[in-house]
């Protein structure tokens, strides 16, 4: 907050006018936060997609009669996760 106040003060100084634009800085910050949020969302989506894919594969392996330990080994799912798919 102290930095923001100092920047405001400088923006009002006739010798530094134009060096700091509060609206521009706010827009930059919002843009940065948006990009960070999108990146986080994308990572979560990829993680969920992998999890859903593993579950789908596990269901097919179970349908084909593969034993639960093998399904766990091939998919990376826990025994509990695999048995919940049955």
PDB file of N, CA and C in Angstrom:
ATOM      1  N   UNK A   1       0.829  -1.178   0.000  1.00  0.00           N
ATOM      2  CA  UNK A   1       0.000   0.000   0.000  1.00  0.00           C
ATOM      3  C   UNK A   1       0.873   1.239   0.000  1.00  0.00           C
ATOM      4  N   UNK A   2       1.972   1.165   0.726  1.00  0.00           N
ATOM      5  CA  UNK A   2       2.903   2.297   0.800  1.00  0.00           C
ATOM      6  C   UNK A   2       3.459   2.625  -0.585  1.00  0.00           C
ATOM      7  N   UNK A   3       3.763   1.614  -1.347  1.00  0.00           N
ATOM      8  CA  UNK A   3       4.292   1.810  -2.703  1.00  0.00           C
ATOM      9  C   UNK A   3       3.246   2.483  -3.583  1.00  0.00           C
ATOM     10  N   UNK A   4       1.999   2.017  -3.481  1.00  0.00           N
ATOM     11  CA  UNK A   4       0.926   2.603  -4.284  1.00  0.00           C
ATOM     12  C   UNK A   4       0.737   4.073  -3.941  1.00  0.00           C
ATOM     13  N   UNK A   5       0.799   4.403  -2.651  1.00  0.00           N
ATOM     14  CA  UNK A   5       0.654   5.797  -2.233  1.00  0.00           C
ATOM     15  C   UNK A   5       1.791   6.648  -2.771  1.00  0.00           C
ATOM     16  N   UNK A   6       2.999   6.116  -2.735  1.00  0.00           N
ATOM     17  CA  UNK A   6       4.155   6.858  -3.252  1.00  0.00           C
ATOM     18  C   UNK A   6       4.007   7.074  -4.762  1.00  0.00           C
ATOM     19  N   UNK A   7       3.542   6.061  -5.478  1.00  0.00           N
ATOM     20  CA  UNK A   7       3.338   6.197  -6.921  1.00  0.00           C
ATOM     21  C   UNK A   7       2.275   7.245  -7.227  1.00  0.00           C
ATOM     22  N   UNK A   8       1.208   7.273  -6.423  1.00  0.00           N
ATOM     23  CA  UNK A   8       0.177   8.295  -6.598  1.00  0.00           C
ATOM     24  C   UNK A   8       0.766   9.685  -6.393  1.00  0.00           C
ATOM     25  N   UNK A   9       1.554   9.802  -5.347  1.00  0.00           N
ATOM     26  CA  UNK A   9       2.200  11.084  -5.026  1.00  0.00           C
ATOM     27  C   UNK A   9       3.073  11.538  -6.191  1.00  0.00           C
ATOM     28  N   UNK A  10       3.838  10.617  -6.741  1.00  0.00           N
ATOM     29  CA  UNK A  10       4.710  10.947  -7.867  1.00  0.00           C
ATOM     30  C   UNK A  10       3.909  11.306  -9.109  1.00  0.00           C
ATOM     31  N   UNK A  11       2.737  10.684  -9.259  1.00  0.00           N
ATOM     32  CA  UNK A  11       1.932  10.966 -10.444  1.00  0.00           C
ATOM     33  C   UNK A  11       1.353  12.375 -10.407  1.00  0.00           C
ATOM     34  N   UNK A  12       1.295  12.966  -9.236  1.00  0.00           N
ATOM     35  CA  UNK A  12       0.786  14.329  -9.097  1.00  0.00           C
ATOM     36  C   UNK A  12       1.898  15.378  -9.170  1.00  0.00           C
ATOM     37  N   UNK A  13       3.140  14.936  -9.055  1.00  0.00           N
ATOM     38  CA  UNK A  13       4.299  15.838  -9.127  1.00  0.00           C
ATOM     39  C   UNK A  13       4.518  16.263 -10.578  1.00  0.00           C
ATOM     40  N   UNK A  14       4.605  17.561 -10.805  1.00  0.00           N
ATOM     41  CA  UNK A  14       4.756  18.101 -12.154  1.00  0.00           C
ATOM     42  C   UNK A  14       5.991  17.542 -12.867  1.00  0.00           C
ATOM     43  N   UNK A  15       7.019  17.168 -12.124  1.00  0.00           N
ATOM     44  CA  UNK A  15       8.258  16.659 -12.717  1.00  0.00           C
ATOM     45  C   UNK A  15       8.177  15.182 -13.093  1.00  0.00           C
ATOM     46  N   UNK A  16       7.166  14.496 -12.551  1.00  0.00           N
ATOM     47  CA  UNK A  16       7.064  13.061 -12.837  1.00  0.00           C
ATOM     48  C   UNK A  16       5.747  12.684 -13.494  1.00  0.00           C
ATOM     49  N   UNK A  17       4.943  13.648 -13.844  1.00  0.00           N
ATOM     50  CA  UNK A  17       3.655  13.374 -14.488  1.00  0.00           C
ATOM     51  C   UNK A  17       3.890  12.538 -15.750  1.00  0.00           C
ATOM     52  N   UNK A  18       3.091  11.537 -15.910  1.00  0.00           N
ATOM     53  CA  UNK A  18       3.205  10.670 -17.077  1.00  0.00           C
ATOM     54  C   UNK A  18       4.019   9.420 -16.826  1.00  0.00           C
ATOM     55  N   UNK A  19       4.793   9.393 -15.753  1.00  0.00           N
ATOM     56  CA  UNK A  19       5.581   8.198 -15.445  1.00  0.00           C
ATOM     57  C   UNK A  19       4.711   7.102 -14.861  1.00  0.00           C
ATOM     58  N   UNK A  20       3.638   7.496 -14.190  1.00  0.00           N
ATOM     59  CA  UNK A  20       2.755   6.523 -13.547  1.00  0.00           C
ATOM     60  C   UNK A  20       1.316   6.834 -13.922  1.00  0.00           C
ATOM     61  N   UNK A  21       0.655   5.862 -14.416  1.00  0.00           N
ATOM     62  CA  UNK A  21      -0.757   6.000 -14.765  1.00  0.00           C
ATOM     63  C   UNK A  21      -1.502   4.918 -13.996  1.00  0.00           C
ATOM     64  N   UNK A  22      -2.282   5.335 -13.001  1.00  0.00           N
ATOM     65  CA  UNK A  22      -2.963   4.381 -12.116  1.00  0.00           C
ATOM     66  C   UNK A  22      -3.871   3.428 -12.896  1.00  0.00           C
ATOM     67  N   UNK A  23      -4.597   3.960 -13.847  1.00  0.00           N
ATOM     68  CA  UNK A  23      -5.492   3.114 -14.635  1.00  0.00           C
ATOM     69  C   UNK A  23      -4.698   2.087 -15.432  1.00  0.00           C
ATOM     70  N   UNK A  24      -3.582   2.523 -15.995  1.00  0.00           N
ATOM     71  CA  UNK A  24      -2.738   1.605 -16.776  1.00  0.00           C
ATOM     72  C   UNK A  24      -2.148   0.521 -15.883  1.00  0.00           C
ATOM     73  N   UNK A  25      -1.688   0.918 -14.705  1.00  0.00           N
ATOM     74  CA  UNK A  25      -1.115  -0.063 -13.773  1.00  0.00           C
ATOM     75  C   UNK A  25      -2.186  -1.043 -13.286  1.00  0.00           C
ATOM     76  N   UNK A  26      -3.386  -0.537 -13.040  1.00  0.00           N
ATOM     77  CA  UNK A  26      -4.480  -1.405 -12.617  1.00  0.00           C
ATOM     78  C   UNK A  26      -4.806  -2.405 -13.717  1.00  0.00           C
ATOM     79  N   UNK A  27      -4.849  -1.925 -14.947  1.00  0.00           N
ATOM     80  CA  UNK A  27      -5.120  -2.803 -16.093  1.00  0.00           C
ATOM     81  C   UNK A  27      -4.042  -3.870 -16.232  1.00  0.00           C
ATOM     82  N   UNK A  28      -2.792  -3.488 -16.049  1.00  0.00           N
ATOM     83  CA  UNK A  28      -1.691  -4.458 -16.125  1.00  0.00           C
ATOM     84  C   UNK A  28      -1.841  -5.520 -15.043  1.00  0.00           C
ATOM     85  N   UNK A  29      -2.181  -5.067 -13.824  1.00  0.00           N
ATOM     86  CA  UNK A  29      -2.331  -5.998 -12.714  1.00  0.00           C
ATOM     87  C   UNK A  29      -3.501  -6.951 -12.977  1.00  0.00           C
ATOM     88  N   UNK A  30      -4.615  -6.417 -13.455  1.00  0.00           N
ATOM     89  CA  UNK A  30      -5.781  -7.243 -13.738  1.00  0.00           C
ATOM     90  C   UNK A  30      -5.476  -8.248 -14.851  1.00  0.00           C
ATOM     91  N   UNK A  31      -4.763  -7.807 -15.839  1.00  0.00           N
ATOM     92  CA  UNK A  31      -4.386  -8.687 -16.945  1.00  0.00           C
ATOM     93  C   UNK A  31      -3.494  -9.817 -16.451  1.00  0.00           C
ATOM     94  N   UNK A  32      -2.555  -9.456 -15.581  1.00  0.00           N
ATOM     95  CA  UNK A  32      -1.649 -10.461 -15.019  1.00  0.00           C
ATOM     96  C   UNK A  32      -2.419 -11.472 -14.175  1.00  0.00           C
ATOM     97  N   UNK A  33      -3.338 -10.980 -13.355  1.00  0.00           N
ATOM     98  CA  UNK A  33      -4.142 -11.877 -12.515  1.00  0.00           C
ATOM     99  C   UNK A  33      -5.023 -12.785 -13.368  1.00  0.00           C
ATOM    100  N   UNK A  34      -5.577 -12.232 -14.437  1.00  0.00           N
ATOM    101  CA  UNK A  34      -6.417 -13.030 -15.338  1.00  0.00           C
ATOM    102  C   UNK A  34      -5.601 -14.146 -15.976  1.00  0.00           C
ATOM    103  N   UNK A  35      -4.396 -13.793 -16.448  1.00  0.00           N
ATOM    104  CA  UNK A  35      -3.532 -14.797 -17.076  1.00  0.00           C
ATOM    105  C   UNK A  35      -3.158 -15.888 -16.080  1.00  0.00           C
ATOM    106  N   UNK A  36      -2.884 -15.484 -14.849  1.00  0.00           N
ATOM    107  CA  UNK A  36      -2.531 -16.461 -13.811  1.00  0.00           C
ATOM    108  C   UNK A  36      -3.717 -17.383 -13.524  1.00  0.00           C
ATOM    109  N   UNK A  37      -4.913 -16.805 -13.461  1.00  0.00           N
ATOM    110  CA  UNK A  37      -6.122 -17.603 -13.232  1.00  0.00           C
ATOM    111  C   UNK A  37      -6.382 -18.578 -14.362  1.00  0.00           C
ATOM    112  N   UNK A  38      -6.180 -18.113 -15.594  1.00  0.00           N
ATOM    113  CA  UNK A  38      -6.382 -18.991 -16.751  1.00  0.00           C
ATOM    114  C   UNK A  38      -5.386 -20.145 -16.725  1.00  0.00           C
ATOM    115  N   UNK A  39      -4.145 -19.847 -16.361  1.00  0.00           N
ATOM    116  CA  UNK A  39      -3.122 -20.885 -16.302  1.00  0.00           C
ATOM    117  C   UNK A  39      -3.472 -21.925 -15.228  1.00  0.00           C
ATOM    118  N   UNK A  40      -3.925 -21.430 -14.069  1.00  0.00           N
ATOM    119  CA  UNK A  40      -4.330 -22.345 -12.997  1.00  0.00           C
ATOM    120  C   UNK A  40      -5.500 -23.212 -13.439  1.00  0.00           C
ATOM    121  N   UNK A  41      -6.474 -22.599 -14.094  1.00  0.00           N
ATOM    122  CA  UNK A  41      -7.633 -23.345 -14.583  1.00  0.00           C
ATOM    123  C   UNK A  41      -7.236 -24.401 -15.594  1.00  0.00           C
ATOM    124  N   UNK A  42      -6.312 -24.034 -16.461  1.00  0.00           N
ATOM    125  CA  UNK A  42      -5.844 -24.983 -17.471  1.00  0.00           C
ATOM    126  C   UNK A  42      -5.145 -26.172 -16.817  1.00  0.00           C
ATOM    127  N   UNK A  43      -4.309 -25.901 -15.823  1.00  0.00           N
ATOM    128  CA  UNK A  43      -3.619 -26.985 -15.119  1.00  0.00           C
ATOM    129  C   UNK A  43      -4.611 -27.905 -14.421  1.00  0.00           C
ATOM    130  N   UNK A  44      -5.621 -27.303 -13.801  1.00  0.00           N
ATOM    131  CA  UNK A  44      -6.644 -28.124 -13.123  1.00  0.00           C
ATOM    132  C   UNK A  44      -7.414 -28.960 -14.127  1.00  0.00           C
ATOM    133  N   UNK A  45      -7.717 -28.364 -15.268  1.00  0.00           N
ATOM    134  CA  UNK A  45      -8.448 -29.079 -16.308  1.00  0.00           C
ATOM    135  C   UNK A  45      -7.663 -30.258 -16.842  1.00  0.00           C
ATOM    136  N   UNK A  46      -6.373 -30.048 -17.054  1.00  0.00           N
ATOM    137  CA  UNK A  46      -5.505 -31.132 -17.539  1.00  0.00           C
ATOM    138  C   UNK A  46      -5.449 -32.247 -16.510  1.00  0.00           C
ATOM    139  N   UNK A  47      -5.292 -31.866 -15.246  1.00  0.00           N
ATOM    140  CA  UNK A  47      -5.219 -32.867 -14.173  1.00  0.00           C
ATOM    141  C   UNK A  47      -6.511 -33.665 -14.098  1.00  0.00           C
ATOM    142  N   UNK A  48      -7.648 -32.964 -14.171  1.00  0.00           N
ATOM    143  CA  UNK A  48      -8.945 -33.648 -14.108  1.00  0.00           C
ATOM    144  C   UNK A  48      -9.134 -34.536 -15.323  1.00  0.00           C
ATOM    145  N   UNK A  49      -8.689 -34.073 -16.481  1.00  0.00           N
ATOM    146  CA  UNK A  49      -8.802 -34.863 -17.707  1.00  0.00           C
ATOM    147  C   UNK A  49      -8.011 -36.158 -17.612  1.00  0.00           C
ATOM    148  N   UNK A  50      -6.819 -36.074 -17.047  1.00  0.00           N
ATOM    149  CA  UNK A  50      -5.996 -37.285 -16.879  1.00  0.00           C
ATOM    150  C   UNK A  50      -6.675 -38.259 -15.924  1.00  0.00           C
ATOM    151  N   UNK A  51      -7.243 -37.700 -14.854  1.00  0.00           N
ATOM    152  CA  UNK A  51      -7.915 -38.544 -13.865  1.00  0.00           C
ATOM    153  C   UNK A  51      -9.127 -39.231 -14.491  1.00  0.00           C
ATOM    154  N   UNK A  52      -9.913 -38.454 -15.241  1.00  0.00           N
ATOM    155  CA  UNK A  52     -11.085 -39.026 -15.902  1.00  0.00           C
ATOM    156  C   UNK A  52     -10.686 -40.079 -16.929  1.00  0.00           C
ATOM    157  N   UNK A  53      -9.592 -39.829 -17.637  1.00  0.00           N
ATOM    158  CA  UNK A  53      -9.099 -40.789 -18.626  1.00  0.00           C
ATOM    159  C   UNK A  53      -8.682 -42.096 -17.971  1.00  0.00           C
ATOM    160  N   UNK A  54      -7.979 -41.980 -16.843  1.00  0.00           N
ATOM    161  CA  UNK A  54      -7.541 -43.181 -16.128  1.00  0.00           C
ATOM    162  C   UNK A  54      -8.750 -43.983 -15.646  1.00  0.00           C
ATOM    163  N   UNK A  55      -9.772 -43.277 -15.195  1.00  0.00           N
ATOM    164  CA  UNK A  55     -10.979 -43.982 -14.724  1.00  0.00           C
ATOM    165  C   UNK A  55     -11.695 -44.689 -15.875  1.00  0.00           C
ATOM    166  N   UNK A  56     -11.737 -44.041 -17.005  1.00  0.00           N
ATOM    167  CA  UNK A  56     -12.376 -44.640 -18.174  1.00  0.00           C
ATOM    168  C   UNK A  56     -11.626 -45.895 -18.612  1.00  0.00           C
ATOM    169  N   UNK A  57     -10.313 -45.795 -18.632  1.00  0.00           N
ATOM    170  CA  UNK A  57      -9.479 -46.956 -19.003  1.00  0.00           C
ATOM    171  C   UNK A  57      -9.685 -48.075 -17.992  1.00  0.00           C
ATOM    172  N   UNK A  58      -9.714 -47.712 -16.707  1.00  0.00           N
ATOM    173  CA  UNK A  58      -9.889 -48.719 -15.659  1.00  0.00           C
ATOM    174  C   UNK A  58     -11.221 -49.462 -15.836  1.00  0.00           C
ATOM    175  N   UNK A  59     -12.269 -48.723 -16.157  1.00  0.00           N
ATOM    176  CA  UNK A  59     -13.579 -49.365 -16.372  1.00  0.00           C
ATOM    177  C   UNK A  59     -13.509 -50.384 -17.503  1.00  0.00           C
ATOM    178  N   UNK A  60     -12.842 -50.017 -18.578  1.00  0.00           N
ATOM    179  CA  UNK A  60     -12.706 -50.937 -19.713  1.00  0.00           C
ATOM    180  C   UNK A  60     -11.871 -52.157 -19.353  1.00  0.00           C
ATOM    181  N   UNK A  61     -10.817 -51.945 -18.598  1.00  0.00           N
ATOM    182  CA  UNK A  61      -9.969 -53.072 -18.179  1.00  0.00           C
ATOM    183  C   UNK A  61     -10.756 -54.019 -17.277  1.00  0.00           C
ATOM    184  N   UNK A  62     -11.562 -53.463 -16.400  1.00  0.00           N
ATOM    185  CA  UNK A  62     -12.385 -54.295 -15.518  1.00  0.00           C
ATOM    186  C   UNK A  62     -13.412 -55.086 -16.319  1.00  0.00           C
ATOM    187  N   UNK A  63     -14.010 -54.421 -17.322  1.00  0.00           N
ATOM    188  CA  UNK A  63     -14.972 -55.113 -18.191  1.00  0.00           C
ATOM    189  C   UNK A  63     -14.327 -56.298 -18.889  1.00  0.00           C
ATOM    190  N   UNK A  64     -13.053 -56.144 -19.245  1.00  0.00           N
ATOM    191  CA  UNK A  64     -12.323 -57.216 -19.928  1.00  0.00           C
ATOM    192  C   UNK A  64     -11.830 -58.286 -18.963  1.00  0.00           C
ATOM    193  N   UNK A  65     -12.127 -58.114 -17.666  1.00  0.00           N
ATOM    194  CA  UNK A  65     -11.802 -59.148 -16.687  1.00  0.00           C
ATOM    195  C   UNK A  65     -10.409 -59.045 -16.083  1.00  0.00           C
ATOM    196  N   UNK A  66      -9.725 -57.936 -16.275  1.00  0.00           N
ATOM    197  CA  UNK A  66      -8.392 -57.785 -15.685  1.00  0.00           C
ATOM    198  C   UNK A  66      -8.520 -57.693 -14.164  1.00  0.00           C
ATOM    199  N   UNK A  67      -7.623 -58.344 -13.427  1.00  0.00           N
ATOM    200  CA  UNK A  67      -7.691 -58.282 -11.964  1.00  0.00           C
ATOM    201  C   UNK A  67      -7.407 -56.850 -11.461  1.00  0.00           C
ATOM    202  N   UNK A  68      -8.013 -56.516 -10.335  1.00  0.00           N
ATOM    203  CA  UNK A  68      -7.889 -55.168  -9.776  1.00  0.00           C
ATOM    204  C   UNK A  68      -6.434 -54.733  -9.594  1.00  0.00           C
ATOM    205  N   UNK A  69      -5.547 -55.583  -9.066  1.00  0.00           N
ATOM    206  CA  UNK A  69      -4.152 -55.131  -8.910  1.00  0.00           C
ATOM    207  C   UNK A  69      -3.511 -54.700 -10.243  1.00  0.00           C
ATOM    208  N   UNK A  70      -3.822 -55.398 -11.317  1.00  0.00           N
ATOM    209  CA  UNK A  70      -3.280 -55.042 -12.634  1.00  0.00           C
ATOM    210  C   UNK A  70      -3.886 -53.719 -13.121  1.00  0.00           C
ATOM    211  N   UNK A  71      -5.182 -53.534 -12.884  1.00  0.00           N
ATOM    212  CA  UNK A  71      -5.841 -52.290 -13.283  1.00  0.00           C
ATOM    213  C   UNK A  71      -5.184 -51.117 -12.541  1.00  0.00           C
ATOM    214  N   UNK A  72      -4.921 -51.313 -11.260  1.00  0.00           N
ATOM    215  CA  UNK A  72      -4.246 -50.282 -10.465  1.00  0.00           C
ATOM    216  C   UNK A  72      -2.862 -49.981 -11.029  1.00  0.00           C
ATOM    217  N   UNK A  73      -2.143 -51.026 -11.352  1.00  0.00           N
ATOM    218  CA  UNK A  73      -0.783 -50.875 -11.898  1.00  0.00           C
ATOM    219  C   UNK A  73      -0.806 -50.115 -13.224  1.00  0.00           C
ATOM    220  N   UNK A  74      -1.717 -50.451 -14.096  1.00  0.00           N
ATOM    221  CA  UNK A  74      -1.759 -49.852 -15.432  1.00  0.00           C
ATOM    222  C   UNK A  74      -2.292 -48.417 -15.438  1.00  0.00           C
ATOM    223  N   UNK A  75      -3.191 -48.109 -14.495  1.00  0.00           N
ATOM    224  CA  UNK A  75      -3.822 -46.783 -14.520  1.00  0.00           C
ATOM    225  C   UNK A  75      -3.256 -45.803 -13.505  1.00  0.00           C
ATOM    226  N   UNK A  76      -2.592 -46.328 -12.476  1.00  0.00           N
ATOM    227  CA  UNK A  76      -2.092 -45.454 -11.417  1.00  0.00           C
ATOM    228  C   UNK A  76      -3.156 -45.112 -10.383  1.00  0.00           C
ATOM    229  N   UNK A  77      -4.327 -45.706 -10.528  1.00  0.00           N
ATOM    230  CA  UNK A  77      -5.395 -45.480  -9.555  1.00  0.00           C
ATOM    231  C   UNK A  77      -5.200 -46.388  -8.351  1.00  0.00           C
ATOM    232  N   UNK A  78      -5.735 -45.964  -7.218  1.00  0.00           N
ATOM    233  CA  UNK A  78      -5.648 -46.800  -6.016  1.00  0.00           C
ATOM    234  C   UNK A  78      -6.677 -47.922  -6.088  1.00  0.00           C
ATOM    235  N   UNK A  79      -6.487 -48.906  -5.225  1.00  0.00           N
ATOM    236  CA  UNK A  79      -7.427 -50.036  -5.181  1.00  0.00           C
ATOM    237  C   UNK A  79      -8.830 -49.529  -4.851  1.00  0.00           C
ATOM    238  N   UNK A  80      -8.922 -48.577  -3.937  1.00  0.00           N
ATOM    239  CA  UNK A  80     -10.215 -48.014  -3.553  1.00  0.00           C
ATOM    240  C   UNK A  80     -10.877 -47.320  -4.749  1.00  0.00           C
ATOM    241  N   UNK A  81     -10.092 -46.549  -5.495  1.00  0.00           N
ATOM    242  CA  UNK A  81     -10.646 -45.852  -6.663  1.00  0.00           C
ATOM    243  C   UNK A  81     -11.159 -46.856  -7.693  1.00  0.00           C
ATOM    244  N   UNK A  82     -10.401 -47.922  -7.897  1.00  0.00           N
ATOM    245  CA  UNK A  82     -10.794 -48.928  -8.902  1.00  0.00           C
ATOM    246  C   UNK A  82     -12.041 -49.675  -8.453  1.00  0.00           C
ATOM    247  N   UNK A  83     -12.097 -50.054  -7.183  1.00  0.00           N
ATOM    248  CA  UNK A  83     -13.260 -50.812  -6.723  1.00  0.00           C
ATOM    249  C   UNK A  83     -14.529 -49.952  -6.739  1.00  0.00           C
ATOM    250  N   UNK A  84     -14.382 -48.632  -6.596  1.00  0.00           N
ATOM    251  CA  UNK A  84     -15.547 -47.738  -6.660  1.00  0.00           C
ATOM    252  C   UNK A  84     -16.096 -47.662  -8.091  1.00  0.00           C
ATOM    253  N   UNK A  85     -15.311 -48.053  -9.072  1.00  0.00           N
ATOM    254  CA  UNK A  85     -15.754 -48.013 -10.462  1.00  0.00           C
ATOM    255  C   UNK A  85     -16.568 -49.240 -10.842  1.00  0.00           C
ATOM    256  N   UNK A  86     -16.509 -50.250 -10.011  1.00  0.00           N
ATOM    257  CA  UNK A  86     -17.191 -51.513 -10.316  1.00  0.00           C
ATOM    258  C   UNK A  86     -18.678 -51.397 -10.101  1.00  0.00           C
TER     259      UNK A  86
END
